[in-house]
N, C-alpha and C. Protein backbone atom coordinates (compact mmCIF):
# COMPACT_ATOMS: atom_id res chain seq x y z
N MET A 1 0.82 -1.19 0.00
CA MET A 1 0.00 0.00 0.00
C MET A 1 0.88 1.27 0.00
N LYS A 2 1.93 1.27 0.83
CA LYS A 2 2.84 2.44 0.88
C LYS A 2 3.56 2.61 -0.45
N LYS A 3 3.90 1.51 -1.08
CA LYS A 3 4.60 1.57 -2.36
C LYS A 3 3.70 2.20 -3.43
N ALA A 4 2.43 1.87 -3.40
CA ALA A 4 1.48 2.42 -4.36
C ALA A 4 1.33 3.93 -4.15
N ARG A 5 1.30 4.38 -2.89
CA ARG A 5 1.20 5.81 -2.58
C ARG A 5 2.42 6.56 -3.10
N LYS A 6 3.59 5.98 -2.90
CA LYS A 6 4.82 6.61 -3.38
C LYS A 6 4.81 6.74 -4.90
N ILE A 7 4.35 5.70 -5.57
CA ILE A 7 4.31 5.73 -7.03
C ILE A 7 3.34 6.80 -7.52
N VAL A 8 2.17 6.88 -6.89
CA VAL A 8 1.19 7.90 -7.27
C VAL A 8 1.74 9.29 -7.00
N LEU A 9 2.39 9.48 -5.85
CA LEU A 9 2.96 10.79 -5.51
C LEU A 9 4.03 11.20 -6.52
N ILE A 10 4.89 10.28 -6.88
CA ILE A 10 5.94 10.56 -7.86
C ILE A 10 5.31 10.89 -9.22
N ALA A 11 4.29 10.17 -9.60
CA ALA A 11 3.62 10.43 -10.88
C ALA A 11 2.98 11.81 -10.89
N VAL A 12 2.31 12.18 -9.80
CA VAL A 12 1.66 13.49 -9.72
C VAL A 12 2.70 14.60 -9.76
N LEU A 13 3.78 14.46 -9.01
CA LEU A 13 4.83 15.47 -9.00
C LEU A 13 5.50 15.62 -10.36
N SER A 14 5.72 14.52 -11.02
CA SER A 14 6.34 14.61 -12.35
C SER A 14 5.39 15.26 -13.35
N LEU A 15 4.09 15.02 -13.24
CA LEU A 15 3.13 15.68 -14.11
C LEU A 15 3.07 17.18 -13.85
N LEU A 16 3.14 17.57 -12.58
CA LEU A 16 3.11 18.99 -12.24
C LEU A 16 4.33 19.72 -12.80
N THR A 17 5.49 19.12 -12.69
CA THR A 17 6.68 19.78 -13.21
C THR A 17 6.69 19.77 -14.73
N ALA A 18 6.12 18.77 -15.34
CA ALA A 18 6.09 18.69 -16.80
C ALA A 18 5.13 19.72 -17.41
N CYS A 19 4.09 20.10 -16.67
CA CYS A 19 3.11 21.03 -17.23
C CYS A 19 3.53 22.49 -17.05
N GLY A 20 4.68 22.73 -16.45
CA GLY A 20 5.16 24.10 -16.28
C GLY A 20 4.69 24.74 -14.99
N TYR A 21 4.19 23.96 -14.06
CA TYR A 21 3.72 24.49 -12.78
C TYR A 21 4.87 25.16 -12.04
N HIS A 22 4.59 26.33 -11.48
CA HIS A 22 5.55 27.02 -10.64
C HIS A 22 4.80 27.80 -9.57
N LEU A 23 5.47 28.16 -8.52
CA LEU A 23 4.84 28.88 -7.43
C LEU A 23 4.31 30.23 -7.89
N ARG A 24 3.24 30.65 -7.28
CA ARG A 24 2.65 31.94 -7.61
C ARG A 24 3.65 33.05 -7.28
N GLY A 25 3.79 33.99 -8.21
CA GLY A 25 4.70 35.10 -7.99
C GLY A 25 6.09 34.87 -8.54
N SER A 26 6.38 33.64 -8.94
CA SER A 26 7.73 33.40 -9.46
C SER A 26 7.77 33.68 -10.96
N ILE A 27 8.94 34.06 -11.42
CA ILE A 27 9.16 34.38 -12.82
C ILE A 27 10.35 33.56 -13.28
N ALA A 28 10.29 33.04 -14.50
CA ALA A 28 11.44 32.33 -15.05
C ALA A 28 12.48 33.37 -15.46
N LEU A 29 13.59 33.39 -14.74
CA LEU A 29 14.62 34.40 -14.97
C LEU A 29 15.84 33.81 -15.65
N PRO A 30 16.45 34.56 -16.58
CA PRO A 30 17.74 34.12 -17.12
C PRO A 30 18.82 34.23 -16.04
N ALA A 31 19.93 33.60 -16.26
CA ALA A 31 21.00 33.55 -15.25
C ALA A 31 21.47 34.95 -14.84
N ALA A 32 21.56 35.88 -15.78
CA ALA A 32 22.05 37.23 -15.46
C ALA A 32 21.10 37.98 -14.53
N LEU A 33 19.82 37.64 -14.57
CA LEU A 33 18.85 38.33 -13.71
C LEU A 33 18.70 37.72 -12.33
N LYS A 34 19.25 36.54 -12.15
CA LYS A 34 19.12 35.88 -10.85
C LYS A 34 19.98 36.55 -9.78
N ASN A 35 20.86 37.42 -10.21
CA ASN A 35 21.73 38.15 -9.29
C ASN A 35 21.73 39.61 -9.72
N MET A 36 20.87 40.40 -9.12
CA MET A 36 20.65 41.78 -9.55
C MET A 36 21.09 42.73 -8.43
N TYR A 37 21.64 43.88 -8.84
CA TYR A 37 22.00 44.93 -7.88
C TYR A 37 21.08 46.11 -8.14
N LEU A 38 20.43 46.60 -7.10
CA LEU A 38 19.50 47.71 -7.19
C LEU A 38 20.11 48.90 -6.49
N PHE A 39 20.32 49.99 -7.23
CA PHE A 39 20.98 51.17 -6.69
C PHE A 39 20.02 52.35 -6.66
N GLY A 40 19.87 52.98 -5.51
CA GLY A 40 19.08 54.20 -5.38
C GLY A 40 17.58 53.99 -5.25
N ALA A 41 17.14 52.79 -4.91
CA ALA A 41 15.71 52.51 -4.80
C ALA A 41 15.20 52.78 -3.39
N SER A 42 13.90 53.03 -3.29
CA SER A 42 13.27 53.21 -1.98
C SER A 42 13.21 51.87 -1.25
N GLY A 43 12.94 51.92 0.01
CA GLY A 43 12.84 50.70 0.81
C GLY A 43 11.74 49.78 0.32
N ALA A 44 10.60 50.36 -0.07
CA ALA A 44 9.47 49.55 -0.54
C ALA A 44 9.80 48.86 -1.86
N LEU A 45 10.43 49.56 -2.79
CA LEU A 45 10.81 48.96 -4.07
C LEU A 45 11.88 47.90 -3.85
N ASN A 46 12.82 48.18 -2.98
CA ASN A 46 13.88 47.24 -2.66
C ASN A 46 13.29 45.95 -2.07
N ALA A 47 12.36 46.09 -1.12
CA ALA A 47 11.75 44.92 -0.47
C ALA A 47 10.94 44.09 -1.47
N GLU A 48 10.19 44.75 -2.33
CA GLU A 48 9.38 44.01 -3.31
C GLU A 48 10.26 43.32 -4.34
N THR A 49 11.35 43.96 -4.75
CA THR A 49 12.29 43.34 -5.68
C THR A 49 12.92 42.10 -5.05
N LYS A 50 13.29 42.24 -3.80
CA LYS A 50 13.88 41.10 -3.07
C LYS A 50 12.89 39.94 -3.00
N ALA A 51 11.60 40.23 -2.74
CA ALA A 51 10.58 39.18 -2.64
C ALA A 51 10.36 38.49 -3.99
N VAL A 52 10.31 39.26 -5.07
CA VAL A 52 10.11 38.67 -6.40
C VAL A 52 11.31 37.82 -6.80
N LEU A 53 12.51 38.31 -6.52
CA LEU A 53 13.71 37.54 -6.83
C LEU A 53 13.77 36.25 -6.01
N LYS A 54 13.40 36.34 -4.74
CA LYS A 54 13.43 35.16 -3.87
C LYS A 54 12.45 34.10 -4.39
N ALA A 55 11.26 34.52 -4.83
CA ALA A 55 10.27 33.58 -5.37
C ALA A 55 10.75 32.95 -6.68
N SER A 56 11.68 33.59 -7.35
CA SER A 56 12.20 33.10 -8.64
C SER A 56 13.61 32.54 -8.52
N ASP A 57 14.02 32.16 -7.32
CA ASP A 57 15.35 31.60 -7.06
C ASP A 57 16.47 32.57 -7.40
N GLY A 58 16.23 33.85 -7.21
CA GLY A 58 17.25 34.86 -7.43
C GLY A 58 17.52 35.61 -6.13
N LYS A 59 18.41 36.61 -6.20
CA LYS A 59 18.70 37.40 -5.01
C LYS A 59 19.27 38.75 -5.42
N LEU A 60 19.21 39.69 -4.48
CA LEU A 60 19.85 40.98 -4.69
C LEU A 60 21.32 40.84 -4.33
N ALA A 61 22.18 41.30 -5.22
CA ALA A 61 23.62 41.23 -4.98
C ALA A 61 24.04 42.29 -3.98
N ASN A 62 25.13 42.04 -3.27
CA ASN A 62 25.64 42.98 -2.27
C ASN A 62 26.45 44.10 -2.90
N SER A 63 26.99 43.87 -4.09
CA SER A 63 27.76 44.91 -4.77
C SER A 63 27.52 44.80 -6.28
N PRO A 64 27.72 45.89 -7.02
CA PRO A 64 27.51 45.84 -8.47
C PRO A 64 28.43 44.86 -9.17
N ASN A 65 29.62 44.62 -8.61
CA ASN A 65 30.57 43.70 -9.24
C ASN A 65 30.09 42.26 -9.22
N ASP A 66 29.24 41.92 -8.23
CA ASP A 66 28.74 40.55 -8.10
C ASP A 66 27.47 40.31 -8.92
N ALA A 67 26.92 41.35 -9.50
CA ALA A 67 25.61 41.26 -10.15
C ALA A 67 25.71 40.92 -11.63
N GLY A 68 24.68 40.28 -12.14
CA GLY A 68 24.57 40.04 -13.57
C GLY A 68 24.06 41.28 -14.28
N ILE A 69 23.23 42.06 -13.57
CA ILE A 69 22.70 43.31 -14.10
C ILE A 69 22.53 44.30 -12.95
N VAL A 70 22.79 45.56 -13.25
CA VAL A 70 22.67 46.63 -12.25
C VAL A 70 21.53 47.55 -12.69
N VAL A 71 20.62 47.81 -11.77
CA VAL A 71 19.51 48.73 -12.04
C VAL A 71 19.77 49.99 -11.23
N LYS A 72 19.96 51.09 -11.93
CA LYS A 72 20.18 52.37 -11.27
C LYS A 72 18.88 53.17 -11.33
N VAL A 73 18.29 53.41 -10.15
CA VAL A 73 17.06 54.19 -10.07
C VAL A 73 17.46 55.66 -10.10
N LEU A 74 16.99 56.37 -11.14
CA LEU A 74 17.33 57.78 -11.30
C LEU A 74 16.33 58.68 -10.60
N LYS A 75 15.06 58.29 -10.61
CA LYS A 75 14.03 59.04 -9.91
C LYS A 75 12.88 58.11 -9.56
N GLU A 76 12.40 58.26 -8.35
CA GLU A 76 11.27 57.45 -7.90
C GLU A 76 10.35 58.37 -7.10
N ASP A 77 9.06 58.33 -7.43
CA ASP A 77 8.12 59.24 -6.78
C ASP A 77 6.78 58.54 -6.60
N PHE A 78 6.23 58.61 -5.39
CA PHE A 78 4.91 58.05 -5.09
C PHE A 78 4.05 59.18 -4.57
N ARG A 79 2.93 59.45 -5.26
CA ARG A 79 2.07 60.57 -4.87
C ARG A 79 0.65 60.11 -4.63
N ARG A 80 0.03 60.80 -3.71
CA ARG A 80 -1.38 60.57 -3.38
C ARG A 80 -2.11 61.87 -3.68
N ARG A 81 -3.18 61.77 -4.49
CA ARG A 81 -3.92 62.97 -4.88
C ARG A 81 -5.40 62.76 -4.62
N VAL A 82 -6.02 63.75 -3.99
CA VAL A 82 -7.46 63.70 -3.73
C VAL A 82 -8.19 64.11 -5.00
N LEU A 83 -9.12 63.24 -5.45
CA LEU A 83 -9.88 63.52 -6.67
C LEU A 83 -11.22 64.18 -6.37
N SER A 84 -11.85 63.77 -5.27
CA SER A 84 -13.13 64.38 -4.91
C SER A 84 -13.26 64.44 -3.40
N VAL A 85 -14.03 65.42 -2.95
CA VAL A 85 -14.24 65.66 -1.53
C VAL A 85 -15.72 65.51 -1.23
N GLY A 86 -16.03 64.82 -0.12
CA GLY A 86 -17.42 64.61 0.27
C GLY A 86 -17.98 65.82 0.99
N SER A 87 -19.24 65.72 1.42
CA SER A 87 -19.93 66.84 2.08
C SER A 87 -19.32 67.17 3.44
N THR A 88 -18.59 66.24 4.02
CA THR A 88 -17.94 66.48 5.31
C THR A 88 -16.59 67.17 5.16
N GLY A 89 -16.15 67.35 3.93
CA GLY A 89 -14.86 68.00 3.69
C GLY A 89 -13.70 67.03 3.66
N LYS A 90 -13.99 65.74 3.73
CA LYS A 90 -12.93 64.73 3.68
C LYS A 90 -12.90 64.09 2.30
N SER A 91 -11.73 63.56 1.95
CA SER A 91 -11.57 62.96 0.61
C SER A 91 -12.46 61.73 0.47
N SER A 92 -13.11 61.63 -0.68
CA SER A 92 -13.94 60.45 -0.94
C SER A 92 -13.40 59.61 -2.10
N GLU A 93 -12.55 60.20 -2.91
CA GLU A 93 -11.91 59.45 -4.00
C GLU A 93 -10.46 59.89 -4.09
N VAL A 94 -9.56 58.90 -4.16
CA VAL A 94 -8.12 59.17 -4.12
C VAL A 94 -7.44 58.49 -5.29
N GLU A 95 -6.42 59.15 -5.82
CA GLU A 95 -5.61 58.58 -6.89
C GLU A 95 -4.17 58.42 -6.37
N LEU A 96 -3.60 57.24 -6.60
CA LEU A 96 -2.20 56.98 -6.25
C LEU A 96 -1.40 56.92 -7.54
N ASN A 97 -0.32 57.69 -7.62
CA ASN A 97 0.54 57.73 -8.80
C ASN A 97 1.95 57.32 -8.42
N TYR A 98 2.51 56.43 -9.22
CA TYR A 98 3.89 55.98 -9.00
C TYR A 98 4.69 56.24 -10.26
N TYR A 99 5.85 56.84 -10.10
CA TYR A 99 6.74 57.17 -11.21
C TYR A 99 8.12 56.61 -10.90
N LEU A 100 8.69 55.88 -11.86
CA LEU A 100 10.02 55.30 -11.70
C LEU A 100 10.80 55.52 -12.98
N ARG A 101 11.96 56.17 -12.87
CA ARG A 101 12.88 56.35 -13.99
C ARG A 101 14.16 55.61 -13.64
N PHE A 102 14.65 54.79 -14.55
CA PHE A 102 15.79 53.93 -14.25
C PHE A 102 16.59 53.65 -15.51
N GLN A 103 17.76 53.03 -15.30
CA GLN A 103 18.60 52.60 -16.42
C GLN A 103 19.32 51.31 -16.02
N PHE A 104 19.51 50.44 -17.00
CA PHE A 104 20.19 49.17 -16.78
C PHE A 104 21.66 49.29 -17.16
N TYR A 105 22.51 48.67 -16.35
CA TYR A 105 23.95 48.62 -16.61
C TYR A 105 24.43 47.18 -16.42
N ASP A 106 25.55 46.84 -17.06
CA ASP A 106 26.18 45.57 -16.73
C ASP A 106 27.09 45.80 -15.52
N ASN A 107 27.76 44.77 -15.06
CA ASN A 107 28.58 44.92 -13.85
C ASN A 107 29.89 45.68 -14.09
N LYS A 108 30.12 46.12 -15.33
CA LYS A 108 31.30 46.94 -15.65
C LYS A 108 30.89 48.39 -15.94
N GLU A 109 29.66 48.76 -15.52
CA GLU A 109 29.10 50.11 -15.66
C GLU A 109 28.85 50.53 -17.10
N ASN A 110 28.68 49.59 -18.00
CA ASN A 110 28.30 49.90 -19.37
C ASN A 110 26.78 49.90 -19.47
N PRO A 111 26.18 50.99 -20.00
CA PRO A 111 24.72 51.02 -20.10
C PRO A 111 24.22 49.98 -21.11
N LEU A 112 23.14 49.29 -20.75
CA LEU A 112 22.56 48.29 -21.63
C LEU A 112 21.45 48.87 -22.50
N GLN A 113 20.78 49.90 -21.99
CA GLN A 113 19.70 50.57 -22.73
C GLN A 113 19.64 52.02 -22.29
N GLU A 114 18.85 52.79 -23.02
CA GLU A 114 18.60 54.18 -22.64
C GLU A 114 17.75 54.20 -21.36
N GLU A 115 17.65 55.38 -20.76
CA GLU A 115 16.79 55.54 -19.58
C GLU A 115 15.36 55.14 -19.94
N GLN A 116 14.68 54.54 -18.96
CA GLN A 116 13.30 54.13 -19.16
C GLN A 116 12.46 54.60 -17.99
N THR A 117 11.15 54.68 -18.21
CA THR A 117 10.24 55.07 -17.14
C THR A 117 9.09 54.08 -17.03
N ILE A 118 8.59 53.99 -15.82
CA ILE A 118 7.38 53.22 -15.53
C ILE A 118 6.47 54.16 -14.76
N GLU A 119 5.24 54.26 -15.23
CA GLU A 119 4.24 55.08 -14.54
C GLU A 119 3.01 54.22 -14.30
N ILE A 120 2.55 54.17 -13.06
CA ILE A 120 1.39 53.38 -12.68
C ILE A 120 0.45 54.28 -11.89
N SER A 121 -0.83 54.16 -12.18
CA SER A 121 -1.82 54.99 -11.53
C SER A 121 -2.99 54.12 -11.09
N ARG A 122 -3.50 54.35 -9.88
CA ARG A 122 -4.67 53.63 -9.36
C ARG A 122 -5.59 54.62 -8.65
N GLU A 123 -6.88 54.41 -8.81
CA GLU A 123 -7.87 55.21 -8.11
C GLU A 123 -8.67 54.30 -7.19
N PHE A 124 -9.11 54.83 -6.05
CA PHE A 124 -9.99 54.06 -5.18
C PHE A 124 -10.90 54.98 -4.41
N PHE A 125 -12.05 54.43 -4.04
CA PHE A 125 -13.04 55.17 -3.27
C PHE A 125 -12.67 55.12 -1.80
N ASN A 126 -12.63 56.26 -1.17
CA ASN A 126 -12.22 56.38 0.23
C ASN A 126 -13.47 56.61 1.09
N ASP A 127 -14.12 55.52 1.50
CA ASP A 127 -15.34 55.59 2.30
C ASP A 127 -15.00 56.04 3.71
N GLN A 128 -15.54 57.17 4.14
CA GLN A 128 -15.21 57.74 5.45
C GLN A 128 -15.90 57.01 6.61
N THR A 129 -16.81 56.08 6.30
CA THR A 129 -17.45 55.32 7.38
C THR A 129 -16.62 54.11 7.78
N ALA A 130 -15.64 53.74 6.98
CA ALA A 130 -14.77 52.59 7.27
C ALA A 130 -13.32 53.03 7.11
N ILE A 131 -12.90 53.96 7.93
CA ILE A 131 -11.58 54.58 7.78
C ILE A 131 -10.45 53.57 7.93
N LEU A 132 -10.51 52.72 8.95
CA LEU A 132 -9.43 51.74 9.17
C LEU A 132 -9.31 50.78 7.99
N ALA A 133 -10.43 50.31 7.50
CA ALA A 133 -10.41 49.39 6.35
C ALA A 133 -9.83 50.07 5.12
N LYS A 134 -10.15 51.32 4.92
CA LYS A 134 -9.65 52.04 3.75
C LYS A 134 -8.15 52.32 3.84
N GLU A 135 -7.65 52.52 5.05
CA GLU A 135 -6.20 52.69 5.21
C GLU A 135 -5.49 51.39 4.84
N ASN A 136 -6.06 50.26 5.26
CA ASN A 136 -5.48 48.97 4.90
C ASN A 136 -5.57 48.75 3.39
N GLU A 137 -6.69 49.15 2.79
CA GLU A 137 -6.84 49.01 1.35
C GLU A 137 -5.80 49.84 0.61
N GLU A 138 -5.55 51.05 1.08
CA GLU A 138 -4.55 51.90 0.44
C GLU A 138 -3.16 51.27 0.54
N THR A 139 -2.84 50.69 1.67
CA THR A 139 -1.55 50.01 1.84
C THR A 139 -1.42 48.84 0.88
N LEU A 140 -2.49 48.06 0.74
CA LEU A 140 -2.47 46.93 -0.19
C LEU A 140 -2.32 47.39 -1.64
N ILE A 141 -2.99 48.48 -1.99
CA ILE A 141 -2.88 49.01 -3.35
C ILE A 141 -1.45 49.49 -3.61
N GLN A 142 -0.84 50.15 -2.63
CA GLN A 142 0.55 50.59 -2.78
C GLN A 142 1.47 49.41 -3.00
N LYS A 143 1.28 48.36 -2.22
CA LYS A 143 2.12 47.16 -2.36
C LYS A 143 1.94 46.53 -3.74
N GLU A 144 0.70 46.50 -4.22
CA GLU A 144 0.43 45.95 -5.55
C GLU A 144 1.06 46.81 -6.65
N ILE A 145 1.08 48.12 -6.46
CA ILE A 145 1.73 49.01 -7.43
C ILE A 145 3.23 48.70 -7.48
N TYR A 146 3.86 48.55 -6.33
CA TYR A 146 5.29 48.22 -6.30
C TYR A 146 5.53 46.85 -6.95
N ARG A 147 4.65 45.89 -6.69
CA ARG A 147 4.82 44.56 -7.27
C ARG A 147 4.71 44.63 -8.79
N GLN A 148 3.75 45.39 -9.30
CA GLN A 148 3.60 45.55 -10.74
C GLN A 148 4.82 46.25 -11.34
N ALA A 149 5.33 47.26 -10.65
CA ALA A 149 6.52 47.97 -11.14
C ALA A 149 7.72 47.03 -11.22
N VAL A 150 7.89 46.18 -10.21
CA VAL A 150 9.01 45.23 -10.21
C VAL A 150 8.87 44.24 -11.35
N ARG A 151 7.67 43.75 -11.59
CA ARG A 151 7.46 42.81 -12.69
C ARG A 151 7.77 43.47 -14.04
N MET A 152 7.35 44.72 -14.20
CA MET A 152 7.65 45.44 -15.44
C MET A 152 9.16 45.66 -15.56
N LEU A 153 9.81 45.99 -14.45
CA LEU A 153 11.25 46.19 -14.42
C LEU A 153 11.97 44.91 -14.82
N MET A 154 11.52 43.77 -14.29
CA MET A 154 12.15 42.48 -14.60
C MET A 154 11.99 42.13 -16.07
N SER A 155 10.80 42.37 -16.63
CA SER A 155 10.61 42.02 -18.04
C SER A 155 11.46 42.92 -18.94
N ARG A 156 11.60 44.19 -18.57
CA ARG A 156 12.46 45.08 -19.35
C ARG A 156 13.93 44.71 -19.19
N ALA A 157 14.32 44.28 -18.00
CA ALA A 157 15.70 43.84 -17.79
C ALA A 157 16.00 42.60 -18.62
N GLN A 158 15.03 41.70 -18.69
CA GLN A 158 15.22 40.50 -19.50
C GLN A 158 15.38 40.87 -20.97
N ALA A 159 14.60 41.83 -21.44
CA ALA A 159 14.73 42.29 -22.83
C ALA A 159 16.08 42.95 -23.06
N ALA A 160 16.55 43.72 -22.08
CA ALA A 160 17.87 44.37 -22.21
C ALA A 160 18.98 43.34 -22.31
N ILE A 161 18.88 42.29 -21.53
CA ILE A 161 19.91 41.24 -21.56
C ILE A 161 19.86 40.50 -22.89
N GLU A 162 18.67 40.19 -23.37
CA GLU A 162 18.54 39.49 -24.64
C GLU A 162 19.02 40.34 -25.82
N ASN A 163 18.77 41.65 -25.77
CA ASN A 163 19.23 42.55 -26.83
C ASN A 163 20.75 42.70 -26.81
N ARG A 164 21.34 42.60 -25.64
CA ARG A 164 22.81 42.70 -25.53
C ARG A 164 23.47 41.51 -26.20
N LYS A 165 22.84 40.34 -26.13
CA LYS A 165 23.41 39.12 -26.72
C LYS A 165 23.36 39.15 -28.23
N LEU A 166 22.41 39.91 -28.79
CA LEU A 166 22.26 39.95 -30.25
C LEU A 166 23.34 40.69 -30.93
């Protein structure tokens, strides 16, 4: 009976790996991206990059010399803007804007591409009857914006590496 369970378990695991199954949040990274150095980023962007790399069997390098690719953040800005105000004088609709300007370098400080930008914008309704819940919602939206920015950054870095090989 135990032998049959082992055989079934092995068969299921081999089918899962054969179908391309991978953990949620992980990205298939080329070797050069598995060791990235991030220069000049905010703590939130740094933390989200570290989490995405960890899920994809990569890591942030301790120095640019150890990295396969160096990302130099030239400007990063996160803004909160009130779109509408309710009858009580408090914001009822809010827009979050994220701006990131960066450039990719190899570990010898040679630029791989021109400067690039990522701009992400989200709007949400700020219900004043559930203030605590809305603060948590805003925090989650900010985290999702950083996660999306990191994914866009990774796909552009992958394109930069592939273009360098050509």
